[in-house]
Amino acid sequence: MTQTVARALVPTEWLLVALGVVGLAGTWAQVFDYLALGFLPGNVQFWKETVATPASTFITVDVLVLAAALFVWMFGEGRRLGIGTGWLWGYFLASLLVEISFALPMFLAHRHRQIRLHRPAENGAPAGADWIAIGVAVLIALGAAAFSLRHVP
């Protein structure tokens, strides 16, 4: 295997990057009305609406607790793998300022690549029936993003 081929992204990494782009498109389709209000008023309105119903409160709490747990893991895993501090803080800030559904898949692609290039014995990739679960999750994510894009305010 040549150095160029080894450094190229592999399908799992491409899938993670693609999911980040889907997350970016699906969430940012909804954000512009908030941005039009200005930074502070837009944030206040956004957070008020995230807890407007029991269902939205459920999803908000679910995502925020998941995000906190992921940040604990992301910083520890990033340090273990030798991912630079600047990258880790960049993913953290992108999670807060852009959105976690973009930043986390980008971190995961970076993590996968780091393991593949520097710890090939630890390189794991989905196999066999794993792809059924992944396919279901990807289809659900694509459906949610498509709904968002069709319902832009």
N, C-alpha and C. Protein backbone atom coordinates (compact mmCIF):
# COMPACT_ATOMS: atom_id res chain seq x y z
N MET A 1 0.85 -1.18 0.00
CA MET A 1 0.00 0.00 0.00
C MET A 1 0.89 1.24 0.00
N THR A 2 0.62 2.15 -0.87
CA THR A 2 1.44 3.35 -0.94
C THR A 2 1.02 4.33 0.14
N GLN A 3 1.90 5.26 0.42
CA GLN A 3 1.63 6.29 1.43
C GLN A 3 0.40 7.10 1.04
N THR A 4 0.22 7.41 -0.24
CA THR A 4 -0.93 8.19 -0.70
C THR A 4 -2.23 7.44 -0.42
N VAL A 5 -2.27 6.15 -0.74
CA VAL A 5 -3.47 5.36 -0.52
C VAL A 5 -3.76 5.26 0.97
N ALA A 6 -2.75 5.04 1.78
CA ALA A 6 -2.93 4.90 3.23
C ALA A 6 -3.52 6.17 3.83
N ARG A 7 -3.15 7.32 3.30
CA ARG A 7 -3.63 8.59 3.86
C ARG A 7 -5.01 8.99 3.34
N ALA A 8 -5.44 8.39 2.24
CA ALA A 8 -6.77 8.71 1.70
C ALA A 8 -7.84 8.24 2.68
N LEU A 9 -8.96 8.95 2.68
CA LEU A 9 -10.06 8.54 3.55
C LEU A 9 -10.62 7.19 3.09
N VAL A 10 -11.02 6.39 4.05
CA VAL A 10 -11.64 5.10 3.75
C VAL A 10 -13.16 5.26 3.87
N PRO A 11 -13.94 4.27 3.39
CA PRO A 11 -15.39 4.43 3.38
C PRO A 11 -16.02 4.82 4.73
N THR A 12 -15.55 4.26 5.82
CA THR A 12 -16.11 4.63 7.12
C THR A 12 -15.88 6.11 7.42
N GLU A 13 -14.71 6.61 7.08
CA GLU A 13 -14.41 8.02 7.30
C GLU A 13 -15.26 8.90 6.39
N TRP A 14 -15.43 8.50 5.14
CA TRP A 14 -16.29 9.25 4.22
C TRP A 14 -17.73 9.27 4.73
N LEU A 15 -18.21 8.15 5.24
CA LEU A 15 -19.57 8.09 5.77
C LEU A 15 -19.74 9.05 6.94
N LEU A 16 -18.76 9.10 7.83
CA LEU A 16 -18.83 10.01 8.98
C LEU A 16 -18.82 11.48 8.52
N VAL A 17 -17.97 11.80 7.57
CA VAL A 17 -17.94 13.17 7.04
C VAL A 17 -19.28 13.50 6.38
N ALA A 18 -19.82 12.57 5.61
CA ALA A 18 -21.11 12.79 4.95
C ALA A 18 -22.22 13.01 5.99
N LEU A 19 -22.20 12.24 7.07
CA LEU A 19 -23.20 12.44 8.12
C LEU A 19 -23.06 13.82 8.76
N GLY A 20 -21.83 14.28 8.92
CA GLY A 20 -21.62 15.64 9.43
C GLY A 20 -22.22 16.68 8.51
N VAL A 21 -22.07 16.49 7.22
CA VAL A 21 -22.64 17.43 6.24
C VAL A 21 -24.17 17.36 6.27
N VAL A 22 -24.72 16.17 6.40
CA VAL A 22 -26.17 16.01 6.50
C VAL A 22 -26.68 16.73 7.76
N GLY A 23 -25.96 16.55 8.87
CA GLY A 23 -26.33 17.25 10.10
C GLY A 23 -26.28 18.76 9.94
N LEU A 24 -25.24 19.23 9.28
CA LEU A 24 -25.10 20.67 9.05
C LEU A 24 -26.26 21.20 8.21
N ALA A 25 -26.57 20.54 7.13
CA ALA A 25 -27.66 21.00 6.25
C ALA A 25 -29.01 20.92 6.96
N GLY A 26 -29.24 19.81 7.65
CA GLY A 26 -30.53 19.61 8.29
C GLY A 26 -30.82 20.56 9.43
N THR A 27 -29.79 20.92 10.19
CA THR A 27 -30.02 21.82 11.32
C THR A 27 -29.99 23.28 10.88
N TRP A 28 -29.06 23.63 10.02
CA TRP A 28 -28.94 25.04 9.64
C TRP A 28 -30.08 25.49 8.74
N ALA A 29 -30.83 24.58 8.18
CA ALA A 29 -32.02 24.97 7.43
C ALA A 29 -33.02 25.67 8.35
N GLN A 30 -32.91 25.41 9.65
CA GLN A 30 -33.86 25.97 10.62
C GLN A 30 -33.32 27.18 11.38
N VAL A 31 -32.07 27.52 11.22
CA VAL A 31 -31.43 28.49 12.11
C VAL A 31 -31.53 29.95 11.66
N PHE A 32 -31.79 30.19 10.40
CA PHE A 32 -31.66 31.56 9.90
C PHE A 32 -32.68 32.53 10.47
N ASP A 33 -33.89 32.07 10.78
CA ASP A 33 -34.86 32.96 11.42
C ASP A 33 -34.37 33.41 12.80
N TYR A 34 -33.68 32.54 13.50
CA TYR A 34 -33.12 32.90 14.81
C TYR A 34 -31.97 33.90 14.63
N LEU A 35 -31.11 33.65 13.67
CA LEU A 35 -29.99 34.57 13.43
C LEU A 35 -30.48 35.96 13.05
N ALA A 36 -31.61 36.01 12.34
CA ALA A 36 -32.16 37.30 11.93
C ALA A 36 -32.59 38.15 13.13
N LEU A 37 -32.84 37.52 14.26
CA LEU A 37 -33.24 38.24 15.48
C LEU A 37 -32.05 38.90 16.17
N GLY A 38 -30.84 38.52 15.81
CA GLY A 38 -29.64 38.99 16.49
C GLY A 38 -29.12 37.89 17.40
N PHE A 39 -27.87 38.00 17.82
CA PHE A 39 -27.22 36.91 18.56
C PHE A 39 -27.94 36.60 19.87
N LEU A 40 -28.08 37.59 20.73
CA LEU A 40 -28.69 37.32 22.04
C LEU A 40 -30.19 37.04 21.92
N PRO A 41 -30.97 37.91 21.27
CA PRO A 41 -32.41 37.61 21.15
C PRO A 41 -32.68 36.29 20.41
N GLY A 42 -31.87 36.00 19.41
CA GLY A 42 -32.04 34.74 18.67
C GLY A 42 -31.79 33.54 19.55
N ASN A 43 -30.74 33.61 20.38
CA ASN A 43 -30.45 32.52 21.31
C ASN A 43 -31.55 32.36 22.35
N VAL A 44 -32.03 33.47 22.89
CA VAL A 44 -33.12 33.40 23.88
C VAL A 44 -34.34 32.73 23.25
N GLN A 45 -34.72 33.16 22.05
CA GLN A 45 -35.89 32.58 21.38
C GLN A 45 -35.68 31.10 21.08
N PHE A 46 -34.49 30.77 20.60
CA PHE A 46 -34.18 29.37 20.29
C PHE A 46 -34.35 28.49 21.52
N TRP A 47 -33.73 28.88 22.64
CA TRP A 47 -33.78 28.05 23.84
C TRP A 47 -35.17 28.00 24.44
N LYS A 48 -35.94 29.07 24.32
CA LYS A 48 -37.33 29.03 24.78
C LYS A 48 -38.12 28.00 23.98
N GLU A 49 -37.88 27.95 22.69
CA GLU A 49 -38.61 27.01 21.85
C GLU A 49 -38.14 25.57 22.03
N THR A 50 -36.91 25.37 22.48
CA THR A 50 -36.45 23.99 22.68
C THR A 50 -37.14 23.33 23.86
N VAL A 51 -37.71 24.11 24.75
CA VAL A 51 -38.42 23.54 25.90
C VAL A 51 -39.90 23.91 25.88
N ALA A 52 -40.44 24.18 24.71
CA ALA A 52 -41.83 24.62 24.58
C ALA A 52 -42.84 23.50 24.79
N THR A 53 -42.47 22.27 24.51
CA THR A 53 -43.38 21.13 24.68
C THR A 53 -42.66 20.02 25.44
N PRO A 54 -43.39 19.08 26.01
CA PRO A 54 -42.71 17.95 26.66
C PRO A 54 -41.78 17.19 25.70
N ALA A 55 -42.20 17.02 24.45
CA ALA A 55 -41.37 16.30 23.48
C ALA A 55 -40.08 17.07 23.19
N SER A 56 -40.20 18.39 23.00
CA SER A 56 -38.99 19.17 22.69
C SER A 56 -38.07 19.24 23.91
N THR A 57 -38.64 19.30 25.12
CA THR A 57 -37.83 19.28 26.34
C THR A 57 -37.10 17.95 26.46
N PHE A 58 -37.80 16.86 26.17
CA PHE A 58 -37.20 15.52 26.21
C PHE A 58 -35.98 15.46 25.29
N ILE A 59 -36.16 15.88 24.03
CA ILE A 59 -35.07 15.83 23.06
C ILE A 59 -33.93 16.76 23.47
N THR A 60 -34.25 17.94 23.98
CA THR A 60 -33.23 18.90 24.40
C THR A 60 -32.38 18.32 25.53
N VAL A 61 -33.03 17.79 26.56
CA VAL A 61 -32.28 17.21 27.68
C VAL A 61 -31.47 16.01 27.19
N ASP A 62 -32.07 15.16 26.36
CA ASP A 62 -31.38 13.99 25.83
C ASP A 62 -30.11 14.39 25.09
N VAL A 63 -30.21 15.37 24.20
CA VAL A 63 -29.06 15.80 23.40
C VAL A 63 -28.00 16.47 24.27
N LEU A 64 -28.42 17.30 25.23
CA LEU A 64 -27.44 18.01 26.07
C LEU A 64 -26.69 17.06 27.00
N VAL A 65 -27.36 16.08 27.57
CA VAL A 65 -26.67 15.10 28.42
C VAL A 65 -25.76 14.23 27.57
N LEU A 66 -26.25 13.80 26.41
CA LEU A 66 -25.41 13.03 25.48
C LEU A 66 -24.17 13.84 25.09
N ALA A 67 -24.35 15.12 24.80
CA ALA A 67 -23.22 15.98 24.42
C ALA A 67 -22.20 16.07 25.54
N ALA A 68 -22.67 16.27 26.78
CA ALA A 68 -21.74 16.36 27.91
C ALA A 68 -20.93 15.07 28.05
N ALA A 69 -21.59 13.93 27.94
CA ALA A 69 -20.88 12.65 28.04
C ALA A 69 -19.90 12.49 26.88
N LEU A 70 -20.31 12.91 25.70
CA LEU A 70 -19.42 12.80 24.54
C LEU A 70 -18.19 13.69 24.68
N PHE A 71 -18.35 14.86 25.27
CA PHE A 71 -17.19 15.74 25.47
C PHE A 71 -16.19 15.11 26.43
N VAL A 72 -16.68 14.48 27.51
CA VAL A 72 -15.79 13.77 28.44
C VAL A 72 -15.00 12.72 27.66
N TRP A 73 -15.72 11.92 26.89
CA TRP A 73 -15.06 10.87 26.11
C TRP A 73 -14.15 11.44 25.03
N MET A 74 -14.62 12.47 24.30
CA MET A 74 -13.88 13.04 23.18
C MET A 74 -12.51 13.57 23.63
N PHE A 75 -12.49 14.32 24.72
CA PHE A 75 -11.21 14.86 25.17
C PHE A 75 -10.27 13.74 25.63
N GLY A 76 -10.78 12.77 26.38
CA GLY A 76 -9.94 11.66 26.83
C GLY A 76 -9.45 10.81 25.67
N GLU A 77 -10.33 10.47 24.76
CA GLU A 77 -9.97 9.66 23.60
C GLU A 77 -9.03 10.42 22.68
N GLY A 78 -9.28 11.69 22.49
CA GLY A 78 -8.40 12.49 21.65
C GLY A 78 -6.99 12.55 22.20
N ARG A 79 -6.88 12.72 23.51
CA ARG A 79 -5.54 12.76 24.13
C ARG A 79 -4.87 11.39 24.02
N ARG A 80 -5.63 10.32 24.23
CA ARG A 80 -5.08 8.96 24.15
C ARG A 80 -4.51 8.69 22.76
N LEU A 81 -5.18 9.23 21.74
CA LEU A 81 -4.76 8.97 20.36
C LEU A 81 -3.77 10.00 19.81
N GLY A 82 -3.46 11.01 20.60
CA GLY A 82 -2.51 12.02 20.15
C GLY A 82 -3.11 13.05 19.20
N ILE A 83 -4.44 13.22 19.26
CA ILE A 83 -5.07 14.28 18.47
C ILE A 83 -4.78 15.59 19.19
N GLY A 84 -4.29 16.57 18.48
CA GLY A 84 -3.85 17.82 19.07
C GLY A 84 -4.93 18.55 19.85
N THR A 85 -4.50 19.28 20.86
CA THR A 85 -5.39 20.07 21.69
C THR A 85 -6.22 21.05 20.85
N GLY A 86 -5.59 21.68 19.86
CA GLY A 86 -6.30 22.61 19.00
C GLY A 86 -7.46 21.95 18.27
N TRP A 87 -7.25 20.73 17.78
CA TRP A 87 -8.31 19.99 17.12
C TRP A 87 -9.45 19.70 18.10
N LEU A 88 -9.09 19.23 19.29
CA LEU A 88 -10.12 18.87 20.27
C LEU A 88 -10.97 20.08 20.66
N TRP A 89 -10.30 21.19 20.94
CA TRP A 89 -11.05 22.41 21.27
C TRP A 89 -11.83 22.92 20.07
N GLY A 90 -11.30 22.72 18.87
CA GLY A 90 -12.04 23.10 17.68
C GLY A 90 -13.33 22.30 17.53
N TYR A 91 -13.25 20.99 17.78
CA TYR A 91 -14.47 20.16 17.72
C TYR A 91 -15.46 20.57 18.81
N PHE A 92 -14.95 20.86 20.01
CA PHE A 92 -15.81 21.30 21.11
C PHE A 92 -16.52 22.61 20.75
N LEU A 93 -15.74 23.58 20.29
CA LEU A 93 -16.34 24.88 19.94
C LEU A 93 -17.29 24.76 18.75
N ALA A 94 -16.93 23.93 17.78
CA ALA A 94 -17.84 23.71 16.64
C ALA A 94 -19.14 23.07 17.12
N SER A 95 -19.06 22.21 18.13
CA SER A 95 -20.28 21.61 18.69
C SER A 95 -21.18 22.67 19.29
N LEU A 96 -20.58 23.65 19.94
CA LEU A 96 -21.37 24.71 20.58
C LEU A 96 -21.83 25.77 19.60
N LEU A 97 -20.98 26.15 18.67
CA LEU A 97 -21.26 27.28 17.79
C LEU A 97 -21.87 26.90 16.44
N VAL A 98 -21.63 25.70 15.99
CA VAL A 98 -22.19 25.24 14.72
C VAL A 98 -23.30 24.25 15.05
N GLU A 99 -22.91 23.05 15.45
CA GLU A 99 -23.81 22.07 16.05
C GLU A 99 -23.07 20.77 16.23
N ILE A 100 -23.53 19.99 17.20
CA ILE A 100 -22.85 18.76 17.54
C ILE A 100 -23.01 17.70 16.45
N SER A 101 -24.11 17.74 15.70
CA SER A 101 -24.30 16.73 14.67
C SER A 101 -23.37 16.94 13.47
N PHE A 102 -22.67 18.03 13.44
CA PHE A 102 -21.60 18.25 12.47
C PHE A 102 -20.24 17.93 13.10
N ALA A 103 -19.99 18.50 14.27
CA ALA A 103 -18.67 18.39 14.89
C ALA A 103 -18.33 16.97 15.33
N LEU A 104 -19.29 16.27 15.92
CA LEU A 104 -18.98 14.92 16.40
C LEU A 104 -18.62 13.96 15.26
N PRO A 105 -19.38 13.91 14.17
CA PRO A 105 -18.93 13.03 13.07
C PRO A 105 -17.56 13.41 12.52
N MET A 106 -17.24 14.70 12.51
CA MET A 106 -15.91 15.11 12.05
C MET A 106 -14.83 14.60 13.01
N PHE A 107 -15.10 14.70 14.32
CA PHE A 107 -14.16 14.15 15.30
C PHE A 107 -14.02 12.64 15.10
N LEU A 108 -15.15 11.95 14.92
CA LEU A 108 -15.10 10.50 14.75
C LEU A 108 -14.34 10.09 13.50
N ALA A 109 -14.48 10.84 12.42
CA ALA A 109 -13.70 10.55 11.21
C ALA A 109 -12.21 10.77 11.48
N HIS A 110 -11.88 11.85 12.19
CA HIS A 110 -10.49 12.14 12.56
C HIS A 110 -9.95 11.02 13.44
N ARG A 111 -10.74 10.60 14.42
CA ARG A 111 -10.34 9.52 15.33
C ARG A 111 -10.09 8.24 14.54
N HIS A 112 -11.02 7.88 13.65
CA HIS A 112 -10.88 6.66 12.87
C HIS A 112 -9.61 6.70 12.03
N ARG A 113 -9.36 7.83 11.42
CA ARG A 113 -8.16 8.00 10.59
C ARG A 113 -6.89 7.89 11.44
N GLN A 114 -6.91 8.53 12.60
CA GLN A 114 -5.75 8.49 13.50
C GLN A 114 -5.42 7.05 13.90
N ILE A 115 -6.45 6.29 14.26
CA ILE A 115 -6.23 4.89 14.63
C ILE A 115 -5.73 4.10 13.42
N ARG A 116 -6.36 4.28 12.28
CA ARG A 116 -5.99 3.53 11.07
C ARG A 116 -4.54 3.79 10.67
N LEU A 117 -4.10 5.04 10.77
CA LEU A 117 -2.74 5.37 10.33
C LEU A 117 -1.67 5.08 11.36
N HIS A 118 -2.00 5.23 12.65
CA HIS A 118 -0.95 5.12 13.67
C HIS A 118 -1.06 3.89 14.56
N ARG A 119 -2.19 3.23 14.54
CA ARG A 119 -2.38 2.03 15.36
C ARG A 119 -3.15 1.00 14.55
N PRO A 120 -2.60 0.56 13.42
CA PRO A 120 -3.36 -0.30 12.51
C PRO A 120 -3.88 -1.58 13.16
N ALA A 121 -3.22 -2.09 14.18
CA ALA A 121 -3.69 -3.30 14.86
C ALA A 121 -5.01 -3.05 15.59
N GLU A 122 -5.28 -1.80 15.94
CA GLU A 122 -6.52 -1.44 16.64
C GLU A 122 -7.62 -1.01 15.69
N ASN A 123 -7.30 -0.94 14.40
CA ASN A 123 -8.26 -0.43 13.42
C ASN A 123 -9.46 -1.37 13.33
N GLY A 124 -10.61 -0.85 13.71
CA GLY A 124 -11.84 -1.62 13.60
C GLY A 124 -12.78 -0.92 12.65
N ALA A 125 -13.52 -1.69 11.93
CA ALA A 125 -14.52 -1.13 11.01
C ALA A 125 -15.78 -1.97 11.13
N PRO A 126 -16.93 -1.38 10.89
CA PRO A 126 -18.16 -2.16 10.92
C PRO A 126 -18.07 -3.32 9.94
N ALA A 127 -18.73 -4.41 10.28
CA ALA A 127 -18.69 -5.58 9.40
C ALA A 127 -20.03 -6.32 9.48
N GLY A 128 -20.31 -7.04 8.44
CA GLY A 128 -21.48 -7.92 8.42
C GLY A 128 -22.77 -7.21 8.77
N ALA A 129 -23.48 -7.76 9.75
CA ALA A 129 -24.79 -7.25 10.14
C ALA A 129 -24.72 -5.86 10.77
N ASP A 130 -23.52 -5.42 11.16
CA ASP A 130 -23.38 -4.05 11.69
C ASP A 130 -23.97 -3.05 10.70
N TRP A 131 -23.79 -3.34 9.42
CA TRP A 131 -24.23 -2.41 8.38
C TRP A 131 -25.75 -2.29 8.31
N ILE A 132 -26.47 -3.28 8.82
CA ILE A 132 -27.94 -3.18 8.86
C ILE A 132 -28.33 -2.09 9.85
N ALA A 133 -27.76 -2.13 11.06
CA ALA A 133 -28.05 -1.09 12.06
C ALA A 133 -27.60 0.28 11.57
N ILE A 134 -26.42 0.33 10.97
CA ILE A 134 -25.90 1.60 10.45
C ILE A 134 -26.82 2.11 9.34
N GLY A 135 -27.26 1.23 8.45
CA GLY A 135 -28.15 1.62 7.37
C GLY A 135 -29.46 2.19 7.90
N VAL A 136 -30.03 1.55 8.92
CA VAL A 136 -31.27 2.05 9.52
C VAL A 136 -31.04 3.43 10.11
N ALA A 137 -29.95 3.59 10.87
CA ALA A 137 -29.66 4.89 11.50
C ALA A 137 -29.42 5.97 10.45
N VAL A 138 -28.70 5.65 9.39
CA VAL A 138 -28.43 6.62 8.33
C VAL A 138 -29.73 7.01 7.63
N LEU A 139 -30.59 6.04 7.36
CA LEU A 139 -31.87 6.35 6.71
C LEU A 139 -32.74 7.26 7.59
N ILE A 140 -32.74 7.01 8.89
CA ILE A 140 -33.50 7.87 9.81
C ILE A 140 -32.92 9.29 9.80
N ALA A 141 -31.59 9.38 9.85
CA ALA A 141 -30.94 10.70 9.82
C ALA A 141 -31.23 11.43 8.51
N LEU A 142 -31.16 10.72 7.40
CA LEU A 142 -31.47 11.34 6.11
C LEU A 142 -32.93 11.78 6.05
N GLY A 143 -33.82 10.98 6.60
CA GLY A 143 -35.23 11.35 6.63
C GLY A 143 -35.47 12.61 7.46
N ALA A 144 -34.82 12.69 8.60
CA ALA A 144 -34.96 13.87 9.46
C ALA A 144 -34.41 15.11 8.77
N ALA A 145 -33.24 14.97 8.14
CA ALA A 145 -32.65 16.12 7.44
C ALA A 145 -33.51 16.54 6.25
N ALA A 146 -34.06 15.56 5.53
CA ALA A 146 -34.94 15.88 4.40
C ALA A 146 -36.20 16.60 4.88
N PHE A 147 -36.76 16.15 6.00
CA PHE A 147 -37.93 16.83 6.57
C PHE A 147 -37.58 18.27 6.89
N SER A 148 -36.44 18.48 7.54
CA SER A 148 -36.00 19.83 7.90
C SER A 148 -35.85 20.71 6.66
N LEU A 149 -35.23 20.17 5.64
CA LEU A 149 -35.00 20.94 4.41
C LEU A 149 -36.30 21.25 3.67
N ARG A 150 -37.31 20.40 3.81
CA ARG A 150 -38.61 20.65 3.18
C ARG A 150 -39.48 21.59 4.01
N HIS A 151 -39.10 21.83 5.26
CA HIS A 151 -39.91 22.66 6.14
C HIS A 151 -39.11 23.85 6.67
N VAL A 152 -38.41 24.50 5.78
CA VAL A 152 -37.65 25.69 6.15
C VAL A 152 -38.65 26.81 6.44
N PRO A 153 -38.49 27.47 7.60
CA PRO A 153 -39.45 28.57 7.92
C PRO A 153 -39.38 29.70 6.93
